[in-house]
C-alpha atoms as a PDB file:
ATOM      1  CA  MET A   1      -0.485  -0.107  -0.087  1.00  0.00           C
ATOM      2  CA  PHE A   2       2.846   2.492   0.685  1.00  0.00           C
ATOM      3  CA  GLU A   3       4.880   1.600  -2.939  1.00  0.00           C
ATOM      4  CA  THR A   4       1.904   2.040  -4.824  1.00  0.00           C
ATOM      5  CA  SER A   5       1.526   5.866  -2.763  1.00  0.00           C
ATOM      6  CA  VAL A   6       5.084   6.405  -3.575  1.00  0.00           C
ATOM      7  CA  ILE A   7       4.881   5.537  -7.437  1.00  0.00           C
ATOM      8  CA  ARG A   8       1.893   6.797  -7.631  1.00  0.00           C
ATOM      9  CA  ALA A   9       3.374  10.746  -6.651  1.00  0.00           C
ATOM     10  CA  GLN A  10       6.383  10.232  -8.541  1.00  0.00           C
ATOM     11  CA  ALA A  11       4.130  10.372 -11.452  1.00  0.00           C
ATOM     12  CA  ALA A  12       2.496  12.980 -10.848  1.00  0.00           C
ATOM     13  CA  ALA A  13       5.117  14.819 -10.250  1.00  0.00           C
ATOM     14  CA  ALA A  14       6.832  13.924 -13.622  1.00  0.00           C
ATOM     15  CA  ARG A  15       3.452  15.150 -15.257  1.00  0.00           C
ATOM     16  CA  GLY A  16       3.823  18.471 -13.657  1.00  0.00           C
ATOM     17  CA  ARG A  17       7.356  19.162 -15.411  1.00  0.00           C
ATOM     18  CA  VAL A  18       5.950  18.697 -18.877  1.00  0.00           C
ATOM     19  CA  PRO A  19       3.746  21.751 -18.807  1.00  0.00           C
ATOM     20  CA  LEU A  20       6.765  24.088 -17.364  1.00  0.00           C
ATOM     21  CA  LEU A  21       9.185  22.799 -20.291  1.00  0.00           C
ATOM     22  CA  GLY A  22       7.013  23.836 -22.918  1.00  0.00           C
ATOM     23  CA  ILE A  23       5.969  27.179 -21.574  1.00  0.00           C
ATOM     24  CA  SER A  24      10.059  27.830 -21.115  1.00  0.00           C
ATOM     25  CA  ILE A  25      10.559  27.234 -24.618  1.00  0.00           C
ATOM     26  CA  VAL A  26       7.702  29.251 -26.015  1.00  0.00           C
ATOM     27  CA  ALA A  27       9.060  32.343 -23.715  1.00  0.00           C
ATOM     28  CA  HIS A  28      13.243  31.808 -24.674  1.00  0.00           C
ATOM     29  CA  SER A  29      11.427  31.678 -28.464  1.00  0.00           C
ATOM     30  CA  ALA A  30       9.806  34.889 -27.855  1.00  0.00           C
ATOM     31  CA  VAL A  31      12.875  36.848 -26.829  1.00  0.00           C
ATOM     32  CA  VAL A  32      14.902  35.269 -29.564  1.00  0.00           C
ATOM     33  CA  ILE A  33      12.326  36.894 -32.298  1.00  0.00           C
ATOM     34  CA  GLY A  34      11.933  39.870 -30.886  1.00  0.00           C
ATOM     35  CA  ALA A  35      15.673  40.660 -30.465  1.00  0.00           C
ATOM     36  CA  VAL A  36      16.118  39.744 -34.364  1.00  0.00           C
ATOM     37  CA  ALA A  37      13.345  42.096 -35.166  1.00  0.00           C
ATOM     38  CA  VAL A  38      14.707  44.940 -33.388  1.00  0.00           C
ATOM     39  CA  SER A  39      17.643  44.745 -34.463  1.00  0.00           C
ATOM     40  CA  ILE A  40      16.202  44.539 -38.334  1.00  0.00           C
ATOM     41  CA  ALA A  41      14.254  47.619 -37.615  1.00  0.00           C
ATOM     42  CA  SER A  42      17.237  49.805 -36.763  1.00  0.00           C
ATOM     43  CA  VAL A  43      19.324  48.796 -39.393  1.00  0.00           C
ATOM     44  CA  SER A  44      18.480  51.340 -42.176  1.00  0.00           C
ATOM     45  CA  PHE A  45      19.539  50.310 -45.934  1.00  0.00           C
ATOM     46  CA  PRO A  46      20.147  52.312 -48.620  1.00  0.00           C
ATOM     47  CA  MET A  47      17.230  53.737 -50.786  1.00  0.00           C
ATOM     48  CA  HIS A  48      19.281  53.773 -54.096  1.00  0.00           C
ATOM     49  CA  ALA A  49      22.105  51.204 -55.371  1.00  0.00           C
ATOM     50  CA  PRO A  50      25.788  52.561 -55.659  1.00  0.00           C
ATOM     51  CA  LYS A  51      27.196  54.255 -58.742  1.00  0.00           C
ATOM     52  CA  GLU A  52      29.260  52.139 -61.381  1.00  0.00           C
ATOM     53  CA  PHE A  53      32.299  53.201 -63.333  1.00  0.00           C
ATOM     54  CA  ALA A  54      32.302  51.893 -66.728  1.00  0.00           C
ATOM     55  CA  ARG A  55      36.355  51.831 -66.244  1.00  0.00           C
ATOM     56  CA  ALA A  56      38.608  52.296 -63.313  1.00  0.00           C
ATOM     57  CA  PRO A  57      39.387  56.030 -62.245  1.00  0.00           C
ATOM     58  CA  LEU A  58      42.810  56.951 -63.445  1.00  0.00           C
ATOM     59  CA  LEU A  59      45.330  57.550 -60.296  1.00  0.00           C
ATOM     60  CA  MET A  60      47.147  60.702 -59.971  1.00  0.00           C
ATOM     61  CA  GLN A  61      50.921  60.202 -61.948  1.00  0.00           C
ATOM     62  CA  VAL A  62      53.795  60.525 -59.489  1.00  0.00           C
ATOM     63  CA  SER A  63      56.776  62.565 -60.527  1.00  0.00           C
ATOM     64  CA  VAL A  64      60.208  61.022 -59.356  1.00  0.00           C
ATOM     65  CA  PRO A  65      62.299  64.245 -58.203  1.00  0.00           C
ATOM     66  CA  PRO A  66      65.366  65.256 -59.517  1.00  0.00           C
ATOM     67  CA  PRO A  67      68.604  64.125 -57.554  1.00  0.00           C
ATOM     68  CA  LEU A  68      70.498  66.536 -54.929  1.00  0.00           C
ATOM     69  CA  GLY A  69      73.989  68.103 -55.887  1.00  0.00           C
ATOM     70  CA  ASN A  70      75.079  69.434 -59.279  1.00  0.00           C
ATOM     71  CA  PRO A  71      74.881  67.476 -62.464  1.00  0.00           C
ATOM     72  CA  ASN A  72      78.541  66.933 -64.281  1.00  0.00           C
ATOM     73  CA  ALA A  73      79.882  67.133 -61.052  1.00  0.00           C
ATOM     74  CA  GLY A  74      79.918  70.622 -60.572  1.00  0.00           C
ATOM     75  CA  ALA A  75      81.613  71.039 -64.378  1.00  0.00           C
ATOM     76  CA  PRO A  76      80.489  74.352 -65.856  1.00  0.00           C
ATOM     77  CA  HIS A  77      77.955  74.242 -68.404  1.00  0.00           C
ATOM     78  CA  LYS A  78      79.135  74.803 -71.798  1.00  0.00           C
ATOM     79  CA  PRO A  79      76.788  77.350 -74.421  1.00  0.00           C
ATOM     80  CA  GLN A  80      75.677  75.255 -77.541  1.00  0.00           C
ATOM     81  CA  GLN A  81      77.344  76.777 -80.484  1.00  0.00           C
ATOM     82  CA  PRO A  82      74.887  77.811 -83.345  1.00  0.00           C
ATOM     83  CA  GLN A  83      75.531  75.212 -86.160  1.00  0.00           C
ATOM     84  CA  PRO A  84      76.777  76.954 -89.969  1.00  0.00           C
ATOM     85  CA  ALA A  85      73.862  76.474 -91.961  1.00  0.00           C
ATOM     86  CA  GLN A  86      74.425  74.417 -94.993  1.00  0.00           C
ATOM     87  CA  LYS A  87      75.352  75.039 -98.414  1.00  0.00           C
ATOM     88  CA  PRO A  88      73.189  73.458-100.976  1.00  0.00           C
ATOM     89  CA  GLN A  89      74.846  70.639-102.077  1.00  0.00           C
ATOM     90  CA  THR A  90      76.156  70.629-105.773  1.00  0.00           C
ATOM     91  CA  PRO A  91      76.202  67.917-108.309  1.00  0.00           C
ATOM     92  CA  PRO A  92      79.306  66.590-108.840  1.00  0.00           C
ATOM     93  CA  PRO A  93      80.843  67.507-112.501  1.00  0.00           C
ATOM     94  CA  THR A  94      80.617  63.874-113.505  1.00  0.00           C
ATOM     95  CA  ALA A  95      76.694  63.973-113.042  1.00  0.00           C
ATOM     96  CA  ILE A  96      74.432  64.023-115.378  1.00  0.00           C
ATOM     97  CA  THR A  97      71.623  66.683-115.072  1.00  0.00           C
ATOM     98  CA  ALA A  98      68.770  67.113-117.234  1.00  0.00           C
ATOM     99  CA  PRO A  99      68.514  71.237-119.312  1.00  0.00           C
ATOM    100  CA  PRO A 100      65.942  73.311-118.315  1.00  0.00           C
ATOM    101  CA  GLN A 101      64.997  73.568-121.359  1.00  0.00           C
ATOM    102  CA  THR A 102      65.119  70.678-124.297  1.00  0.00           C
ATOM    103  CA  PRO A 103      66.893  71.467-127.021  1.00  0.00           C
ATOM    104  CA  ALA A 104      65.500  71.530-130.481  1.00  0.00           C
ATOM    105  CA  THR A 105      68.611  68.927-132.465  1.00  0.00           C
ATOM    106  CA  ILE A 106      70.751  66.865-130.215  1.00  0.00           C
ATOM    107  CA  THR A 107      74.324  66.615-131.197  1.00  0.00           C
ATOM    108  CA  PRO A 108      75.667  62.797-129.752  1.00  0.00           C
ATOM    109  CA  ALA A 109      78.159  63.300-127.593  1.00  0.00           C
ATOM    110  CA  ALA A 110      81.613  62.374-128.926  1.00  0.00           C
ATOM    111  CA  GLN A 111      83.076  58.690-128.345  1.00  0.00           C
ATOM    112  CA  PRO A 112      86.407  58.515-126.423  1.00  0.00           C
ATOM    113  CA  PRO A 113      89.503  57.357-128.054  1.00  0.00           C
ATOM    114  CA  SER A 114      90.518  53.789-127.481  1.00  0.00           C
ATOM    115  CA  THR A 115      93.255  52.720-125.272  1.00  0.00           C
ATOM    116  CA  ALA A 116      93.906  49.565-126.928  1.00  0.00           C
ATOM    117  CA  SER A 117      96.890  48.575-128.635  1.00  0.00           C
ATOM    118  CA  ASN A 118      94.811  47.324-131.614  1.00  0.00           C
ATOM    119  CA  ASP A 119      92.212  49.169-133.015  1.00  0.00           C
ATOM    120  CA  ALA A 120      91.418  47.106-136.567  1.00  0.00           C
ATOM    121  CA  PRO A 121      87.936  46.489-136.587  1.00  0.00           C
ATOM    122  CA  ALA A 122      87.268  42.818-135.934  1.00  0.00           C
ATOM    123  CA  THR A 123      86.386  40.625-139.101  1.00  0.00           C
ATOM    124  CA  GLY A 124      85.708  37.082-139.922  1.00  0.00           C
ATOM    125  CA  SER A 125      82.192  35.018-139.642  1.00  0.00           C
ATOM    126  CA  GLY A 126      82.871  34.454-136.387  1.00  0.00           C
ATOM    127  CA  THR A 127      82.540  30.387-136.573  1.00  0.00           C
ATOM    128  CA  GLU A 128      86.056  29.668-135.759  1.00  0.00           C
ATOM    129  CA  SER A 129      86.890  27.971-132.527  1.00  0.00           C
ATOM    130  CA  GLY A 130      88.201  29.472-129.554  1.00  0.00           C
ATOM    131  CA  PRO A 131      86.329  32.978-127.300  1.00  0.00           C
ATOM    132  CA  ILE A 132      84.808  35.614-129.466  1.00  0.00           C
ATOM    133  CA  GLY A 133      85.530  38.721-128.513  1.00  0.00           C
ATOM    134  CA  GLN A 134      89.079  41.726-128.938  1.00  0.00           C
ATOM    135  CA  PRO A 135      92.609  40.881-128.431  1.00  0.00           C
ATOM    136  CA  TRP A 136      92.531  43.172-125.798  1.00  0.00           C
ATOM    137  CA  GLY A 137      89.691  42.300-123.755  1.00  0.00           C
ATOM    138  CA  VAL A 138      88.955  41.084-120.232  1.00  0.00           C
ATOM    139  CA  ALA A 139      88.491  37.155-120.033  1.00  0.00           C
ATOM    140  CA  GLY A 140      85.137  36.255-118.424  1.00  0.00           C
ATOM    141  CA  SER A 141      83.669  39.316-119.256  1.00  0.00           C
ATOM    142  CA  LEU A 142      80.165  40.029-121.714  1.00  0.00           C
ATOM    143  CA  GLY A 143      81.907  41.283-125.049  1.00  0.00           C
ATOM    144  CA  ASP A 144      80.395  43.525-127.556  1.00  0.00           C
ATOM    145  CA  LEU A 145      76.406  43.257-127.590  1.00  0.00           C
ATOM    146  CA  ASP A 146      76.806  43.143-131.799  1.00  0.00           C
ATOM    147  CA  ALA A 147      78.976  40.357-130.961  1.00  0.00           C
ATOM    148  CA  PRO A 148      77.742  36.572-133.062  1.00  0.00           C
ATOM    149  CA  PRO A 149      75.965  34.241-130.817  1.00  0.00           C
ATOM    150  CA  ALA A 150      78.025  31.741-129.209  1.00  0.00           C
ATOM    151  CA  THR A 151      78.241  28.402-129.564  1.00  0.00           C
ATOM    152  CA  SER A 152      76.295  26.296-127.163  1.00  0.00           C
ATOM    153  CA  THR A 153      77.993  23.475-125.274  1.00  0.00           C
ATOM    154  CA  ILE A 154      75.072  21.750-123.950  1.00  0.00           C
ATOM    155  CA  PRO A 155      75.311  18.479-125.434  1.00  0.00           C
ATOM    156  CA  ALA A 156      72.443  17.654-127.621  1.00  0.00           C
ATOM    157  CA  THR A 157      70.279  14.516-126.832  1.00  0.00           C
ATOM    158  CA  PRO A 158      71.514  11.437-128.011  1.00  0.00           C
ATOM    159  CA  PRO A 159      69.718  10.072-131.259  1.00  0.00           C
ATOM    160  CA  VAL A 160      67.662   6.944-130.711  1.00  0.00           C
ATOM    161  CA  GLU A 161      69.433   3.682-131.753  1.00  0.00           C
ATOM    162  CA  GLU A 162      67.457   1.064-133.858  1.00  0.00           C
ATOM    163  CA  ARG A 163      67.288  -1.507-132.115  1.00  0.00           C
ATOM    164  CA  VAL A 164      65.261  -3.579-129.226  1.00  0.00           C
ATOM    165  CA  TYR A 165      65.718  -2.204-126.103  1.00  0.00           C
ATOM    166  CA  ARG A 166      64.757  -3.830-122.889  1.00  0.00           C
ATOM    167  CA  VAL A 167      62.391  -2.528-119.650  1.00  0.00           C
ATOM    168  CA  GLY A 168      65.356  -1.539-117.712  1.00  0.00           C
ATOM    169  CA  GLU A 169      66.662   1.085-120.343  1.00  0.00           C
ATOM    170  CA  VAL A 170      63.494   2.348-121.499  1.00  0.00           C
ATOM    171  CA  LYS A 171      59.962   3.127-120.157  1.00  0.00           C
ATOM    172  CA  ALA A 172      58.236   0.160-119.882  1.00  0.00           C
ATOM    173  CA  PRO A 173      54.905  -0.584-122.233  1.00  0.00           C
ATOM    174  CA  VAL A 174      51.517  -0.822-120.448  1.00  0.00           C
ATOM    175  CA  LEU A 175      48.579  -3.172-121.423  1.00  0.00           C
ATOM    176  CA  LEU A 176      46.022  -1.651-122.992  1.00  0.00           C
ATOM    177  CA  ARG A 177      43.550  -4.283-124.642  1.00  0.00           C
ATOM    178  CA  ARG A 178      43.991  -8.137-123.352  1.00  0.00           C
ATOM    179  CA  VAL A 179      42.278 -11.001-125.691  1.00  0.00           C
ATOM    180  CA  GLU A 180      41.498 -13.920-123.125  1.00  0.00           C
ATOM    181  CA  PRO A 181      42.608 -17.223-124.879  1.00  0.00           C
ATOM    182  CA  THR A 182      39.939 -19.722-125.241  1.00  0.00           C
ATOM    183  CA  TYR A 183      40.562 -22.245-122.780  1.00  0.00           C
ATOM    184  CA  PRO A 184      40.962 -26.026-124.598  1.00  0.00           C
ATOM    185  CA  PRO A 185      37.890 -28.021-124.154  1.00  0.00           C
ATOM    186  CA  MET A 186      39.982 -31.371-123.223  1.00  0.00           C
ATOM    187  CA  PHE A 187      40.993 -29.873-120.249  1.00  0.00           C
ATOM    188  CA  VAL A 188      37.714 -28.219-119.513  1.00  0.00           C
ATOM    189  CA  ARG A 189      35.834 -31.831-118.825  1.00  0.00           C
ATOM    190  CA  ALA A 190      38.894 -32.721-117.252  1.00  0.00           C
ATOM    191  CA  HIS A 191      39.001 -29.556-114.868  1.00  0.00           C
ATOM    192  CA  MET A 192      43.062 -29.485-115.636  1.00  0.00           C
ATOM    193  CA  PRO A 193      45.131 -26.003-114.811  1.00  0.00           C
ATOM    194  CA  GLY A 194      47.440 -24.994-117.068  1.00  0.00           C
ATOM    195  CA  LYS A 195      50.120 -21.979-117.496  1.00  0.00           C
ATOM    196  CA  VAL A 196      52.310 -20.517-120.323  1.00  0.00           C
ATOM    197  CA  ALA A 197      55.109 -18.351-120.281  1.00  0.00           C
ATOM    198  CA  LEU A 198      56.459 -16.043-123.245  1.00  0.00           C
ATOM    199  CA  HIS A 199      58.991 -14.143-124.296  1.00  0.00           C
ATOM    200  CA  CYS A 200      58.239 -11.335-127.057  1.00  0.00           C
ATOM    201  CA  ILE A 201      58.418  -7.878-128.393  1.00  0.00           C
ATOM    202  CA  ILE A 202      56.053  -5.003-128.327  1.00  0.00           C
ATOM    203  CA  ASP A 203      56.738  -3.014-131.281  1.00  0.00           C
ATOM    204  CA  LYS A 204      56.445   0.936-131.648  1.00  0.00           C
ATOM    205  CA  ASN A 205      53.009   0.115-132.783  1.00  0.00           C
ATOM    206  CA  GLY A 206      52.314  -1.487-129.408  1.00  0.00           C
ATOM    207  CA  ARG A 207      51.522  -4.935-131.186  1.00  0.00           C
ATOM    208  CA  VAL A 208      52.812  -8.377-130.028  1.00  0.00           C
ATOM    209  CA  ARG A 209      55.270  -9.891-131.892  1.00  0.00           C
ATOM    210  CA  ASP A 210      57.881 -12.743-132.356  1.00  0.00           C
ATOM    211  CA  ALA A 211      56.348 -14.300-129.150  1.00  0.00           C
ATOM    212  CA  GLN A 212      58.144 -17.209-128.190  1.00  0.00           C
ATOM    213  CA  VAL A 213      57.086 -20.123-125.961  1.00  0.00           C
ATOM    214  CA  VAL A 214      58.862 -20.403-122.810  1.00  0.00           C
ATOM    215  CA  PHE A 215      56.974 -22.356-120.604  1.00  0.00           C
ATOM    216  CA  ALA A 216      54.071 -24.293-120.944  1.00  0.00           C
ATOM    217  CA  THR A 217      52.036 -26.944-119.118  1.00  0.00           C
ATOM    218  CA  ASN A 218      50.786 -28.537-122.449  1.00  0.00           C
ATOM    219  CA  SER A 219      50.983 -27.512-125.858  1.00  0.00           C
ATOM    220  CA  ALA A 220      46.647 -27.091-126.096  1.00  0.00           C
ATOM    221  CA  PHE A 221      47.473 -23.683-123.727  1.00  0.00           C
ATOM    222  CA  ALA A 222      50.429 -22.589-125.742  1.00  0.00           C
ATOM    223  CA  ASP A 223      48.446 -22.290-128.976  1.00  0.00           C
ATOM    224  CA  ALA A 224      45.415 -21.016-127.426  1.00  0.00           C
ATOM    225  CA  VAL A 225      47.898 -18.222-126.206  1.00  0.00           C
ATOM    226  CA  LEU A 226      49.421 -17.309-129.249  1.00  0.00           C
ATOM    227  CA  ARG A 227      46.236 -17.064-131.805  1.00  0.00           C
ATOM    228  CA  SER A 228      44.872 -14.662-128.681  1.00  0.00           C
ATOM    229  CA  LEU A 229      48.109 -12.500-129.130  1.00  0.00           C
ATOM    230  CA  ASP A 230      46.749 -11.028-132.167  1.00  0.00           C
ATOM    231  CA  GLY A 231      44.293  -8.723-130.436  1.00  0.00           C
ATOM    232  CA  TRP A 232      46.450  -7.644-127.547  1.00  0.00           C
ATOM    233  CA  ARG A 233      47.520  -3.644-127.792  1.00  0.00           C
ATOM    234  CA  TYR A 234      50.144  -1.973-125.535  1.00  0.00           C
ATOM    235  CA  THR A 235      51.309   1.715-125.535  1.00  0.00           C
ATOM    236  CA  PRO A 236      54.754   1.275-126.765  1.00  0.00           C
ATOM    237  CA  ALA A 237      58.239   1.821-125.072  1.00  0.00           C
ATOM    238  CA  SER A 238      59.466   5.335-125.472  1.00  0.00           C
ATOM    239  CA  LEU A 239      63.028   6.703-125.251  1.00  0.00           C
ATOM    240  CA  HIS A 240      63.320  10.311-125.089  1.00  0.00           C
ATOM    241  CA  GLY A 241      59.734  10.610-125.654  1.00  0.00           C
ATOM    242  CA  GLU A 242      60.009   8.523-129.043  1.00  0.00           C
ATOM    243  CA  ALA A 243      58.887   5.114-129.133  1.00  0.00           C
ATOM    244  CA  VAL A 244      61.001   2.090-129.454  1.00  0.00           C
ATOM    245  CA  ASP A 245      60.879  -1.768-129.712  1.00  0.00           C
ATOM    246  CA  CYS A 246      61.078  -3.330-126.509  1.00  0.00           C
ATOM    247  CA  TYR A 247      61.196  -7.212-125.239  1.00  0.00           C
ATOM    248  CA  LEU A 248      59.020  -8.807-122.789  1.00  0.00           C
ATOM    249  CA  ASP A 249      58.022 -11.327-121.022  1.00  0.00           C
ATOM    250  CA  LEU A 250      54.197 -12.220-120.237  1.00  0.00           C
ATOM    251  CA  SER A 251      52.759 -15.121-118.310  1.00  0.00           C
ATOM    252  CA  VAL A 252      48.876 -16.591-118.956  1.00  0.00           C
ATOM    253  CA  ASP A 253      47.425 -18.699-116.011  1.00  0.00           C
ATOM    254  CA  PHE A 254      44.538 -21.016-117.143  1.00  0.00           C
ATOM    255  CA  GLY A 255      42.505 -21.557-113.777  1.00  0.00           C
ATOM    256  CA  VAL A 256      40.039 -25.052-113.199  1.00  0.00           C
ATOM    257  CA  HIS A 257      36.766 -24.824-114.965  1.00  0.00           C
END
């Protein structure tokens, strides 16, 4: 009975503390809110925005004062002497100046006398060997403009020989048209492949001539290739831009039909 009375008294005391805690929190909150409101009400904000500058204001230039003392270690200042007036430049006696007025007739100037030891005029056709000029001339000079043209020393293009060239000596021929040889019927049924190697000449007209069979799997394959060569065409080999005859090796493969 006594224990039950003590427990109920503690529960009643605990229930009485809860309203007091809530009242305390509300009171403190009201005090804080009031202090914030008073501080905001006492602050005055500017009514207009501050002025803006398009560029930074220029600062005042600071001039450095001159040093103390006498310049040039106290040497007396020399007065500046006036410069003499410059005389107009006169052209040298050898300079050529235009006359103030154009004369009606022009007289050619006299030629200076020749200082050469031999004044005899040059004669001859100009085709003799040796340098063209005068006996008293200077070696390596251009000479007289009216002198005959000098003989060119550039070697001419060697003539193209009439012979059969090899591929390494000339520009090789290029195949333009090829006629496929007829596959021998006897080997078509047997599904037998073949190969033929030829050594021939491509003439100046791009035709195949003088064909020789070097290797053939069977003579029937070689005959078929030789019959088709009449329709083959090449761009002929060339040497210095001129068409020439050229050796050429050909090979033809017969696949399995």
